[in-house]
């Protein structure tokens, strides 16, 4: 990922290209809406670029067949990071893994500093 320039609060874009799951999940989505989402995530992440600690979710990658654990990411190219090694046959199993990762890493839900 690109480092945030010192003295500037601006959202960046990862130099790491999206993986196959991320490309499939975002195929056909409106780029302007993805940018709006990235800006919202940037603010949620205290105006910091990159993965948002504690912000895990489950994404359906194959309708009614496959679910993947993801992490929200303040990034214009990759607003979510899908973990290719965390794919499950049910949403419940993926959700349990997301909670496990969050606990293992000791992360809480994102909070905004005022």
PDB file of N, CA and C in Angstrom:
ATOM      1  N   UNK A   1       0.821  -1.175   0.000  1.00  0.00           N
ATOM      2  CA  UNK A   1       0.000   0.000   0.000  1.00  0.00           C
ATOM      3  C   UNK A   1       0.872   1.247   0.000  1.00  0.00           C
ATOM      4  N   UNK A   2       0.331   2.277  -0.537  1.00  0.00           N
ATOM      5  CA  UNK A   2       1.085   3.521  -0.561  1.00  0.00           C
ATOM      6  C   UNK A   2       1.000   4.188   0.797  1.00  0.00           C
ATOM      7  N   UNK A   3       2.077   4.828   1.220  1.00  0.00           N
ATOM      8  CA  UNK A   3       2.088   5.542   2.484  1.00  0.00           C
ATOM      9  C   UNK A   3       1.338   6.851   2.327  1.00  0.00           C
ATOM     10  N   UNK A   4       0.646   7.231   3.391  1.00  0.00           N
ATOM     11  CA  UNK A   4      -0.077   8.497   3.377  1.00  0.00           C
ATOM     12  C   UNK A   4       0.939   9.627   3.430  1.00  0.00           C
ATOM     13  N   UNK A   5       0.857  10.585   2.505  1.00  0.00           N
ATOM     14  CA  UNK A   5       1.806  11.701   2.525  1.00  0.00           C
ATOM     15  C   UNK A   5       1.706  12.480   3.830  1.00  0.00           C
ATOM     16  N   UNK A   6       2.835  12.810   4.416  1.00  0.00           N
ATOM     17  CA  UNK A   6       2.858  13.577   5.660  1.00  0.00           C
ATOM     18  C   UNK A   6       2.184  14.923   5.465  1.00  0.00           C
ATOM     19  N   UNK A   7       1.373  15.287   6.444  1.00  0.00           N
ATOM     20  CA  UNK A   7       0.736  16.593   6.427  1.00  0.00           C
ATOM     21  C   UNK A   7      -0.497  16.679   5.552  1.00  0.00           C
ATOM     22  N   UNK A   8      -0.870  15.582   4.915  1.00  0.00           N
ATOM     23  CA  UNK A   8      -2.050  15.606   4.063  1.00  0.00           C
ATOM     24  C   UNK A   8      -2.991  14.493   4.479  1.00  0.00           C
ATOM     25  N   UNK A   9      -4.246  14.825   4.548  1.00  0.00           N
ATOM     26  CA  UNK A   9      -5.255  13.827   4.837  1.00  0.00           C
ATOM     27  C   UNK A   9      -5.949  13.527   3.516  1.00  0.00           C
ATOM     28  N   UNK A  10      -5.443  12.534   2.842  1.00  0.00           N
ATOM     29  CA  UNK A  10      -6.035  12.174   1.562  1.00  0.00           C
ATOM     30  C   UNK A  10      -6.079  10.672   1.427  1.00  0.00           C
ATOM     31  N   UNK A  11      -7.083  10.205   0.755  1.00  0.00           N
ATOM     32  CA  UNK A  11      -7.229   8.768   0.578  1.00  0.00           C
ATOM     33  C   UNK A  11      -6.382   8.318  -0.599  1.00  0.00           C
ATOM     34  N   UNK A  12      -5.714   7.221  -0.426  1.00  0.00           N
ATOM     35  CA  UNK A  12      -4.844   6.695  -1.460  1.00  0.00           C
ATOM     36  C   UNK A  12      -5.457   5.523  -2.190  1.00  0.00           C
ATOM     37  N   UNK A  13      -4.624   4.864  -2.955  1.00  0.00           N
ATOM     38  CA  UNK A  13      -5.029   3.666  -3.681  1.00  0.00           C
ATOM     39  C   UNK A  13      -3.884   2.661  -3.584  1.00  0.00           C
ATOM     40  N   UNK A  14      -4.234   1.442  -3.291  1.00  0.00           N
ATOM     41  CA  UNK A  14      -3.248   0.391  -3.103  1.00  0.00           C
ATOM     42  C   UNK A  14      -2.468   0.121  -4.384  1.00  0.00           C
ATOM     43  N   UNK A  15      -1.195  -0.158  -4.208  1.00  0.00           N
ATOM     44  CA  UNK A  15      -0.379  -0.573  -5.354  1.00  0.00           C
ATOM     45  C   UNK A  15      -0.491  -2.085  -5.573  1.00  0.00           C
ATOM     46  N   UNK A  16      -1.135  -2.771  -4.624  1.00  0.00           N
ATOM     47  CA  UNK A  16      -1.369  -4.210  -4.749  1.00  0.00           C
ATOM     48  C   UNK A  16      -2.666  -4.404  -5.527  1.00  0.00           C
ATOM     49  N   UNK A  17      -2.628  -5.073  -6.666  1.00  0.00           N
ATOM     50  CA  UNK A  17      -3.853  -5.231  -7.456  1.00  0.00           C
ATOM     51  C   UNK A  17      -4.874  -6.117  -6.741  1.00  0.00           C
ATOM     52  N   UNK A  18      -6.155  -5.893  -7.024  1.00  0.00           N
ATOM     53  CA  UNK A  18      -7.201  -6.728  -6.423  1.00  0.00           C
ATOM     54  C   UNK A  18      -7.011  -8.197  -6.810  1.00  0.00           C
ATOM     55  N   UNK A  19      -7.319  -9.109  -5.865  1.00  0.00           N
ATOM     56  CA  UNK A  19      -7.253 -10.531  -6.178  1.00  0.00           C
ATOM     57  C   UNK A  19      -8.506 -10.937  -6.958  1.00  0.00           C
ATOM     58  N   UNK A  20      -8.561 -12.190  -7.388  1.00  0.00           N
ATOM     59  CA  UNK A  20      -9.679 -12.651  -8.224  1.00  0.00           C
ATOM     60  C   UNK A  20     -11.028 -12.506  -7.523  1.00  0.00           C
ATOM     61  N   UNK A  21     -11.091 -12.814  -6.226  1.00  0.00           N
ATOM     62  CA  UNK A  21     -12.349 -12.682  -5.492  1.00  0.00           C
ATOM     63  C   UNK A  21     -12.798 -11.223  -5.430  1.00  0.00           C
ATOM     64  N   UNK A  22     -11.854 -10.316  -5.193  1.00  0.00           N
ATOM     65  CA  UNK A  22     -12.186  -8.889  -5.121  1.00  0.00           C
ATOM     66  C   UNK A  22     -12.670  -8.377  -6.475  1.00  0.00           C
ATOM     67  N   UNK A  23     -12.017  -8.805  -7.542  1.00  0.00           N
ATOM     68  CA  UNK A  23     -12.442  -8.395  -8.890  1.00  0.00           C
ATOM     69  C   UNK A  23     -13.853  -8.881  -9.179  1.00  0.00           C
ATOM     70  N   UNK A  24     -14.140 -10.130  -8.823  1.00  0.00           N
ATOM     71  CA  UNK A  24     -15.473 -10.690  -9.070  1.00  0.00           C
ATOM     72  C   UNK A  24     -16.532  -9.975  -8.230  1.00  0.00           C
ATOM     73  N   UNK A  25     -16.215  -9.680  -6.968  1.00  0.00           N
ATOM     74  CA  UNK A  25     -17.176  -9.029  -6.075  1.00  0.00           C
ATOM     75  C   UNK A  25     -17.509  -7.610  -6.527  1.00  0.00           C
ATOM     76  N   UNK A  26     -16.561  -6.938  -7.154  1.00  0.00           N
ATOM     77  CA  UNK A  26     -16.779  -5.552  -7.547  1.00  0.00           C
ATOM     78  C   UNK A  26     -17.111  -5.379  -9.030  1.00  0.00           C
ATOM     79  N   UNK A  27     -17.179  -6.486  -9.747  1.00  0.00           N
ATOM     80  CA  UNK A  27     -17.500  -6.418 -11.182  1.00  0.00           C
ATOM     81  C   UNK A  27     -18.869  -5.771 -11.393  1.00  0.00           C
ATOM     82  N   UNK A  28     -18.897  -4.804 -12.285  1.00  0.00           N
ATOM     83  CA  UNK A  28     -20.159  -4.168 -12.646  1.00  0.00           C
ATOM     84  C   UNK A  28     -20.626  -3.083 -11.691  1.00  0.00           C
ATOM     85  N   UNK A  29     -19.888  -2.823 -10.623  1.00  0.00           N
ATOM     86  CA  UNK A  29     -20.291  -1.772  -9.686  1.00  0.00           C
ATOM     87  C   UNK A  29     -19.898  -0.394 -10.223  1.00  0.00           C
ATOM     88  N   UNK A  30     -20.657   0.595  -9.847  1.00  0.00           N
ATOM     89  CA  UNK A  30     -20.434   1.975 -10.281  1.00  0.00           C
ATOM     90  C   UNK A  30     -19.179   2.529  -9.603  1.00  0.00           C
ATOM     91  N   UNK A  31     -18.198   2.939 -10.390  1.00  0.00           N
ATOM     92  CA  UNK A  31     -16.922   3.433  -9.859  1.00  0.00           C
ATOM     93  C   UNK A  31     -17.109   4.676  -8.999  1.00  0.00           C
ATOM     94  N   UNK A  32     -18.065   5.529  -9.322  1.00  0.00           N
ATOM     95  CA  UNK A  32     -18.321   6.721  -8.509  1.00  0.00           C
ATOM     96  C   UNK A  32     -18.834   6.334  -7.123  1.00  0.00           C
ATOM     97  N   UNK A  33     -19.677   5.313  -7.069  1.00  0.00           N
ATOM     98  CA  UNK A  33     -20.191   4.848  -5.774  1.00  0.00           C
ATOM     99  C   UNK A  33     -19.097   4.157  -4.970  1.00  0.00           C
ATOM    100  N   UNK A  34     -18.190   3.465  -5.648  1.00  0.00           N
ATOM    101  CA  UNK A  34     -17.058   2.844  -4.955  1.00  0.00           C
ATOM    102  C   UNK A  34     -16.177   3.946  -4.354  1.00  0.00           C
ATOM    103  N   UNK A  35     -15.952   5.015  -5.084  1.00  0.00           N
ATOM    104  CA  UNK A  35     -15.177   6.148  -4.564  1.00  0.00           C
ATOM    105  C   UNK A  35     -15.875   6.787  -3.361  1.00  0.00           C
ATOM    106  N   UNK A  36     -17.203   6.926  -3.441  1.00  0.00           N
ATOM    107  CA  UNK A  36     -17.957   7.473  -2.309  1.00  0.00           C
ATOM    108  C   UNK A  36     -17.807   6.567  -1.088  1.00  0.00           C
ATOM    109  N   UNK A  37     -17.907   5.259  -1.297  1.00  0.00           N
ATOM    110  CA  UNK A  37     -17.727   4.300  -0.209  1.00  0.00           C
ATOM    111  C   UNK A  37     -16.327   4.434   0.394  1.00  0.00           C
ATOM    112  N   UNK A  38     -15.314   4.521  -0.459  1.00  0.00           N
ATOM    113  CA  UNK A  38     -13.935   4.646   0.015  1.00  0.00           C
ATOM    114  C   UNK A  38     -13.763   5.905   0.860  1.00  0.00           C
ATOM    115  N   UNK A  39     -14.371   7.002   0.450  1.00  0.00           N
ATOM    116  CA  UNK A  39     -14.270   8.237   1.222  1.00  0.00           C
ATOM    117  C   UNK A  39     -14.947   8.096   2.586  1.00  0.00           C
ATOM    118  N   UNK A  40     -16.091   7.412   2.619  1.00  0.00           N
ATOM    119  CA  UNK A  40     -16.773   7.171   3.901  1.00  0.00           C
ATOM    120  C   UNK A  40     -15.913   6.295   4.807  1.00  0.00           C
ATOM    121  N   UNK A  41     -15.305   5.255   4.239  1.00  0.00           N
ATOM    122  CA  UNK A  41     -14.439   4.375   5.024  1.00  0.00           C
ATOM    123  C   UNK A  41     -13.210   5.125   5.530  1.00  0.00           C
ATOM    124  N   UNK A  42     -12.699   6.049   4.739  1.00  0.00           N
ATOM    125  CA  UNK A  42     -11.556   6.868   5.127  1.00  0.00           C
ATOM    126  C   UNK A  42     -11.892   7.686   6.381  1.00  0.00           C
ATOM    127  N   UNK A  43     -13.073   8.274   6.398  1.00  0.00           N
ATOM    128  CA  UNK A  43     -13.516   9.052   7.552  1.00  0.00           C
ATOM    129  C   UNK A  43     -13.743   8.124   8.746  1.00  0.00           C
ATOM    130  N   UNK A  44     -14.377   6.977   8.521  1.00  0.00           N
ATOM    131  CA  UNK A  44     -14.602   5.999   9.587  1.00  0.00           C
ATOM    132  C   UNK A  44     -13.282   5.549  10.214  1.00  0.00           C
ATOM    133  N   UNK A  45     -12.231   5.496   9.403  1.00  0.00           N
ATOM    134  CA  UNK A  45     -10.912   5.054   9.856  1.00  0.00           C
ATOM    135  C   UNK A  45     -10.068   6.233  10.361  1.00  0.00           C
ATOM    136  N   UNK A  46     -10.738   7.264  10.867  1.00  0.00           N
ATOM    137  CA  UNK A  46     -10.051   8.435  11.431  1.00  0.00           C
ATOM    138  C   UNK A  46      -9.129   9.119  10.427  1.00  0.00           C
ATOM    139  N   UNK A  47      -9.594   9.209   9.188  1.00  0.00           N
ATOM    140  CA  UNK A  47      -8.859   9.851   8.097  1.00  0.00           C
ATOM    141  C   UNK A  47      -7.505   9.196   7.870  1.00  0.00           C
ATOM    142  N   UNK A  48      -7.515   7.883   7.989  1.00  0.00           N
ATOM    143  CA  UNK A  48      -6.325   7.081   7.718  1.00  0.00           C
ATOM    144  C   UNK A  48      -6.619   6.147   6.562  1.00  0.00           C
ATOM    145  N   UNK A  49      -5.623   5.959   5.744  1.00  0.00           N
ATOM    146  CA  UNK A  49      -5.682   5.084   4.592  1.00  0.00           C
ATOM    147  C   UNK A  49      -5.356   3.653   5.030  1.00  0.00           C
ATOM    148  N   UNK A  50      -6.041   2.663   4.458  1.00  0.00           N
ATOM    149  CA  UNK A  50      -5.703   1.264   4.713  1.00  0.00           C
ATOM    150  C   UNK A  50      -6.799   0.487   5.410  1.00  0.00           C
ATOM    151  N   UNK A  51      -6.482  -0.764   5.817  1.00  0.00           N
ATOM    152  CA  UNK A  51      -7.466  -1.641   6.462  1.00  0.00           C
ATOM    153  C   UNK A  51      -7.998  -1.028   7.760  1.00  0.00           C
ATOM    154  N   UNK A  52      -9.268  -1.244   8.021  1.00  0.00           N
ATOM    155  CA  UNK A  52      -9.911  -0.706   9.215  1.00  0.00           C
ATOM    156  C   UNK A  52      -9.923  -1.793  10.281  1.00  0.00           C
ATOM    157  N   UNK A  53      -9.188  -1.600  11.381  1.00  0.00           N
ATOM    158  CA  UNK A  53      -9.139  -2.611  12.434  1.00  0.00           C
ATOM    159  C   UNK A  53     -10.529  -2.916  12.990  1.00  0.00           C
ATOM    160  N   UNK A  54     -10.841  -4.192  13.136  1.00  0.00           N
ATOM    161  CA  UNK A  54     -12.106  -4.614  13.718  1.00  0.00           C
ATOM    162  C   UNK A  54     -13.296  -4.584  12.783  1.00  0.00           C
ATOM    163  N   UNK A  55     -13.111  -4.146  11.536  1.00  0.00           N
ATOM    164  CA  UNK A  55     -14.227  -4.021  10.591  1.00  0.00           C
ATOM    165  C   UNK A  55     -14.221  -5.187   9.601  1.00  0.00           C
ATOM    166  N   UNK A  56     -14.677  -6.340  10.078  1.00  0.00           N
ATOM    167  CA  UNK A  56     -14.733  -7.540   9.254  1.00  0.00           C
ATOM    168  C   UNK A  56     -16.165  -7.789   8.836  1.00  0.00           C
ATOM    169  N   UNK A  57     -16.324  -8.456   7.711  1.00  0.00           N
ATOM    170  CA  UNK A  57     -17.657  -8.756   7.199  1.00  0.00           C
ATOM    171  C   UNK A  57     -17.595 -10.033   6.387  1.00  0.00           C
ATOM    172  N   UNK A  58     -18.754 -10.481   5.956  1.00  0.00           N
ATOM    173  CA  UNK A  58     -18.866 -11.684   5.128  1.00  0.00           C
ATOM    174  C   UNK A  58     -19.443 -11.265   3.780  1.00  0.00           C
ATOM    175  N   UNK A  59     -18.823 -11.735   2.715  1.00  0.00           N
ATOM    176  CA  UNK A  59     -19.260 -11.413   1.356  1.00  0.00           C
ATOM    177  C   UNK A  59     -19.618 -12.709   0.642  1.00  0.00           C
ATOM    178  N   UNK A  60     -20.777 -12.733   0.012  1.00  0.00           N
ATOM    179  CA  UNK A  60     -21.164 -13.896  -0.787  1.00  0.00           C
ATOM    180  C   UNK A  60     -20.427 -13.801  -2.123  1.00  0.00           C
ATOM    181  N   UNK A  61     -19.580 -14.793  -2.408  1.00  0.00           N
ATOM    182  CA  UNK A  61     -18.781 -14.759  -3.633  1.00  0.00           C
ATOM    183  C   UNK A  61     -19.362 -15.631  -4.743  1.00  0.00           C
ATOM    184  N   UNK A  62     -20.178 -16.621  -4.376  1.00  0.00           N
ATOM    185  CA  UNK A  62     -20.930 -17.431  -5.338  1.00  0.00           C
ATOM    186  C   UNK A  62     -22.308 -17.611  -4.733  1.00  0.00           C
ATOM    187  N   UNK A  63     -23.310 -17.131  -5.438  1.00  0.00           N
ATOM    188  CA  UNK A  63     -24.662 -17.091  -4.899  1.00  0.00           C
ATOM    189  C   UNK A  63     -25.099 -18.425  -4.294  1.00  0.00           C
ATOM    190  N   UNK A  64     -25.464 -18.357  -3.013  1.00  0.00           N
ATOM    191  CA  UNK A  64     -25.949 -19.516  -2.240  1.00  0.00           C
ATOM    192  C   UNK A  64     -24.968 -20.684  -2.180  1.00  0.00           C
ATOM    193  N   UNK A  65     -23.677 -20.449  -2.454  1.00  0.00           N
ATOM    194  CA  UNK A  65     -22.699 -21.535  -2.448  1.00  0.00           C
ATOM    195  C   UNK A  65     -21.439 -21.223  -1.654  1.00  0.00           C
ATOM    196  N   UNK A  66     -21.000 -19.955  -1.686  1.00  0.00           N
ATOM    197  CA  UNK A  66     -19.676 -19.644  -1.156  1.00  0.00           C
ATOM    198  C   UNK A  66     -19.660 -18.250  -0.525  1.00  0.00           C
ATOM    199  N   UNK A  67     -19.076 -18.170   0.681  1.00  0.00           N
ATOM    200  CA  UNK A  67     -18.958 -16.912   1.399  1.00  0.00           C
ATOM    201  C   UNK A  67     -17.516 -16.722   1.832  1.00  0.00           C
ATOM    202  N   UNK A  68     -17.076 -15.482   1.842  1.00  0.00           N
ATOM    203  CA  UNK A  68     -15.684 -15.171   2.126  1.00  0.00           C
ATOM    204  C   UNK A  68     -15.604 -14.102   3.221  1.00  0.00           C
ATOM    205  N   UNK A  69     -14.602 -14.221   4.079  1.00  0.00           N
ATOM    206  CA  UNK A  69     -14.348 -13.203   5.093  1.00  0.00           C
ATOM    207  C   UNK A  69     -13.621 -12.040   4.422  1.00  0.00           C
ATOM    208  N   UNK A  70     -14.029 -10.829   4.777  1.00  0.00           N
ATOM    209  CA  UNK A  70     -13.422  -9.624   4.211  1.00  0.00           C
ATOM    210  C   UNK A  70     -13.192  -8.602   5.318  1.00  0.00           C
ATOM    211  N   UNK A  71     -12.337  -7.642   5.032  1.00  0.00           N
ATOM    212  CA  UNK A  71     -12.082  -6.538   5.955  1.00  0.00           C
ATOM    213  C   UNK A  71     -12.286  -5.234   5.189  1.00  0.00           C
ATOM    214  N   UNK A  72     -13.021  -4.311   5.794  1.00  0.00           N
ATOM    215  CA  UNK A  72     -13.203  -3.007   5.163  1.00  0.00           C
ATOM    216  C   UNK A  72     -11.861  -2.302   5.090  1.00  0.00           C
ATOM    217  N   UNK A  73     -11.677  -1.531   4.009  1.00  0.00           N
ATOM    218  CA  UNK A  73     -10.386  -0.942   3.704  1.00  0.00           C
ATOM    219  C   UNK A  73     -10.596   0.448   3.114  1.00  0.00           C
ATOM    220  N   UNK A  74     -10.010   1.462   3.729  1.00  0.00           N
ATOM    221  CA  UNK A  74     -10.105   2.830   3.215  1.00  0.00           C
ATOM    222  C   UNK A  74      -9.143   2.966   2.040  1.00  0.00           C
ATOM    223  N   UNK A  75      -9.632   2.641   0.848  1.00  0.00           N
ATOM    224  CA  UNK A  75      -8.813   2.588  -0.359  1.00  0.00           C
ATOM    225  C   UNK A  75      -9.730   2.747  -1.568  1.00  0.00           C
ATOM    226  N   UNK A  76      -9.339   3.554  -2.519  1.00  0.00           N
ATOM    227  CA  UNK A  76     -10.170   3.781  -3.709  1.00  0.00           C
ATOM    228  C   UNK A  76     -10.238   2.571  -4.637  1.00  0.00           C
ATOM    229  N   UNK A  77      -9.195   1.749  -4.660  1.00  0.00           N
ATOM    230  CA  UNK A  77      -9.180   0.584  -5.547  1.00  0.00           C
ATOM    231  C   UNK A  77      -9.780  -0.646  -4.877  1.00  0.00           C
ATOM    232  N   UNK A  78      -9.507  -0.813  -3.579  1.00  0.00           N
ATOM    233  CA  UNK A  78      -9.942  -1.991  -2.838  1.00  0.00           C
ATOM    234  C   UNK A  78     -10.658  -1.570  -1.556  1.00  0.00           C
ATOM    235  N   UNK A  79     -11.963  -1.230  -1.622  1.00  0.00           N
ATOM    236  CA  UNK A  79     -12.659  -0.819  -0.403  1.00  0.00           C
ATOM    237  C   UNK A  79     -12.910  -1.974   0.564  1.00  0.00           C
ATOM    238  N   UNK A  80     -12.613  -3.170   0.116  1.00  0.00           N
ATOM    239  CA  UNK A  80     -12.670  -4.336   0.996  1.00  0.00           C
ATOM    240  C   UNK A  80     -11.576  -5.308   0.567  1.00  0.00           C
ATOM    241  N   UNK A  81     -10.997  -5.945   1.554  1.00  0.00           N
ATOM    242  CA  UNK A  81      -9.968  -6.944   1.294  1.00  0.00           C
ATOM    243  C   UNK A  81     -10.602  -8.300   1.528  1.00  0.00           C
ATOM    244  N   UNK A  82     -10.719  -9.102   0.484  1.00  0.00           N
ATOM    245  CA  UNK A  82     -11.263 -10.445   0.624  1.00  0.00           C
ATOM    246  C   UNK A  82     -10.115 -11.420   0.842  1.00  0.00           C
ATOM    247  N   UNK A  83     -10.231 -12.224   1.892  1.00  0.00           N
ATOM    248  CA  UNK A  83      -9.196 -13.193   2.225  1.00  0.00           C
ATOM    249  C   UNK A  83      -9.444 -14.475   1.444  1.00  0.00           C
ATOM    250  N   UNK A  84      -8.625 -14.709   0.425  1.00  0.00           N
ATOM    251  CA  UNK A  84      -8.808 -15.868  -0.448  1.00  0.00           C
ATOM    252  C   UNK A  84      -8.710 -17.201   0.285  1.00  0.00           C
ATOM    253  N   UNK A  85      -8.024 -17.204   1.420  1.00  0.00           N
ATOM    254  CA  UNK A  85      -7.885 -18.438   2.195  1.00  0.00           C
ATOM    255  C   UNK A  85      -8.976 -18.592   3.254  1.00  0.00           C
ATOM    256  N   UNK A  86      -9.958 -17.689   3.252  1.00  0.00           N
ATOM    257  CA  UNK A  86     -11.054 -17.722   4.222  1.00  0.00           C
ATOM    258  C   UNK A  86     -12.399 -17.805   3.501  1.00  0.00           C
ATOM    259  N   UNK A  87     -12.563 -18.853   2.682  1.00  0.00           N
ATOM    260  CA  UNK A  87     -13.787 -19.071   1.909  1.00  0.00           C
ATOM    261  C   UNK A  87     -14.516 -20.273   2.517  1.00  0.00           C
ATOM    262  N   UNK A  88     -15.840 -20.134   2.715  1.00  0.00           N
ATOM    263  CA  UNK A  88     -16.620 -21.144   3.423  1.00  0.00           C
ATOM    264  C   UNK A  88     -17.909 -21.489   2.672  1.00  0.00           C
ATOM    265  N   UNK A  89     -18.470 -22.686   2.940  1.00  0.00           N
ATOM    266  CA  UNK A  89     -19.704 -23.090   2.267  1.00  0.00           C
ATOM    267  C   UNK A  89     -20.976 -22.490   2.878  1.00  0.00           C
ATOM    268  N   UNK A  90     -20.846 -21.740   3.987  1.00  0.00           N
ATOM    269  CA  UNK A  90     -22.024 -21.088   4.572  1.00  0.00           C
ATOM    270  C   UNK A  90     -21.635 -19.736   5.156  1.00  0.00           C
ATOM    271  N   UNK A  91     -22.612 -18.859   5.211  1.00  0.00           N
ATOM    272  CA  UNK A  91     -22.388 -17.527   5.777  1.00  0.00           C
ATOM    273  C   UNK A  91     -22.078 -17.628   7.266  1.00  0.00           C
ATOM    274  N   UNK A  92     -22.693 -18.584   7.949  1.00  0.00           N
ATOM    275  CA  UNK A  92     -22.475 -18.743   9.384  1.00  0.00           C
ATOM    276  C   UNK A  92     -21.026 -19.130   9.702  1.00  0.00           C
ATOM    277  N   UNK A  93     -20.461 -20.036   8.912  1.00  0.00           N
ATOM    278  CA  UNK A  93     -19.064 -20.431   9.122  1.00  0.00           C
ATOM    279  C   UNK A  93     -18.119 -19.252   8.850  1.00  0.00           C
ATOM    280  N   UNK A  94     -18.410 -18.499   7.808  1.00  0.00           N
ATOM    281  CA  UNK A  94     -17.583 -17.333   7.492  1.00  0.00           C
ATOM    282  C   UNK A  94     -17.689 -16.281   8.589  1.00  0.00           C
ATOM    283  N   UNK A  95     -18.897 -16.080   9.112  1.00  0.00           N
ATOM    284  CA  UNK A  95     -19.083 -15.098  10.181  1.00  0.00           C
ATOM    285  C   UNK A  95     -18.338 -15.526  11.445  1.00  0.00           C
ATOM    286  N   UNK A  96     -18.384 -16.804  11.767  1.00  0.00           N
ATOM    287  CA  UNK A  96     -17.655 -17.304  12.936  1.00  0.00           C
ATOM    288  C   UNK A  96     -16.149 -17.062  12.767  1.00  0.00           C
ATOM    289  N   UNK A  97     -15.630 -17.257  11.557  1.00  0.00           N
ATOM    290  CA  UNK A  97     -14.212 -17.020  11.292  1.00  0.00           C
ATOM    291  C   UNK A  97     -13.875 -15.536  11.402  1.00  0.00           C
ATOM    292  N   UNK A  98     -14.765 -14.672  10.939  1.00  0.00           N
ATOM    293  CA  UNK A  98     -14.543 -13.224  11.051  1.00  0.00           C
ATOM    294  C   UNK A  98     -14.443 -12.822  12.520  1.00  0.00           C
ATOM    295  N   UNK A  99     -15.328 -13.351  13.355  1.00  0.00           N
ATOM    296  CA  UNK A  99     -15.272 -13.059  14.789  1.00  0.00           C
ATOM    297  C   UNK A  99     -13.988 -13.605  15.406  1.00  0.00           C
ATOM    298  N   UNK A 100     -13.575 -14.800  14.980  1.00  0.00           N
ATOM    299  CA  UNK A 100     -12.350 -15.403  15.502  1.00  0.00           C
ATOM    300  C   UNK A 100     -11.132 -14.535  15.171  1.00  0.00           C
ATOM    301  N   UNK A 101     -11.057 -14.063  13.919  1.00  0.00           N
ATOM    302  CA  UNK A 101      -9.942 -13.207  13.502  1.00  0.00           C
ATOM    303  C   UNK A 101      -9.915 -11.933  14.335  1.00  0.00           C
ATOM    304  N   UNK A 102     -11.074 -11.333  14.513  1.00  0.00           N
ATOM    305  CA  UNK A 102     -11.171 -10.085  15.277  1.00  0.00           C
ATOM    306  C   UNK A 102     -10.692 -10.298  16.716  1.00  0.00           C
ATOM    307  N   UNK A 103     -11.118 -11.386  17.331  1.00  0.00           N
ATOM    308  CA  UNK A 103     -10.689 -11.678  18.704  1.00  0.00           C
ATOM    309  C   UNK A 103      -9.204 -12.000  18.761  1.00  0.00           C
ATOM    310  N   UNK A 104      -8.722 -12.800  17.807  1.00  0.00           N
ATOM    311  CA  UNK A 104      -7.310 -13.178  17.773  1.00  0.00           C
ATOM    312  C   UNK A 104      -6.409 -11.951  17.658  1.00  0.00           C
ATOM    313  N   UNK A 105      -6.839 -10.994  16.859  1.00  0.00           N
ATOM    314  CA  UNK A 105      -6.046  -9.778  16.656  1.00  0.00           C
ATOM    315  C   UNK A 105      -6.279  -8.729  17.737  1.00  0.00           C
ATOM    316  N   UNK A 106      -7.263  -8.989  18.609  1.00  0.00           N
ATOM    317  CA  UNK A 106      -7.546  -8.042  19.692  1.00  0.00           C
ATOM    318  C   UNK A 106      -8.103  -6.724  19.202  1.00  0.00           C
ATOM    319  N   UNK A 107      -8.855  -6.780  18.125  1.00  0.00           N
ATOM    320  CA  UNK A 107      -9.411  -5.555  17.545  1.00  0.00           C
ATOM    321  C   UNK A 107     -10.847  -5.359  18.003  1.00  0.00           C
ATOM    322  N   UNK A 108     -11.201  -4.117  18.242  1.00  0.00           N
ATOM    323  CA  UNK A 108     -12.577  -3.785  18.575  1.00  0.00           C
ATOM    324  C   UNK A 108     -13.202  -3.131  17.349  1.00  0.00           C
ATOM    325  N   UNK A 109     -14.470  -2.812  17.468  1.00  0.00           N
ATOM    326  CA  UNK A 109     -15.140  -2.129  16.372  1.00  0.00           C
ATOM    327  C   UNK A 109     -14.477  -0.773  16.146  1.00  0.00           C
ATOM    328  N   UNK A 110     -14.470  -0.300  14.906  1.00  0.00           N
ATOM    329  CA  UNK A 110     -13.863   1.008  14.644  1.00  0.00           C
ATOM    330  C   UNK A 110     -14.528   2.097  15.463  1.00  0.00           C
ATOM    331  N   UNK A 111     -13.748   3.032  15.930  1.00  0.00           N
ATOM    332  CA  UNK A 111     -14.326   4.160  16.662  1.00  0.00           C
ATOM    333  C   UNK A 111     -13.729   5.449  16.110  1.00  0.00           C
ATOM    334  N   UNK A 112     -14.478   6.506  16.198  1.00  0.00           N
ATOM    335  CA  UNK A 112     -14.010   7.796  15.694  1.00  0.00           C
ATOM    336  C   UNK A 112     -13.508   8.619  16.855  1.00  0.00           C
ATOM    337  N   UNK A 113     -12.369   9.227  16.659  1.00  0.00           N
ATOM    338  CA  UNK A 113     -11.815  10.140  17.657  1.00  0.00           C
ATOM    339  C   UNK A 113     -12.312  11.526  17.349  1.00  0.00           C
ATOM    340  N   UNK A 114     -12.713  12.231  18.347  1.00  0.00           N
ATOM    341  CA  UNK A 114     -13.183  13.600  18.120  1.00  0.00           C
ATOM    342  C   UNK A 114     -12.191  14.600  18.627  1.00  0.00           C
TER     343      UNK A 114
END
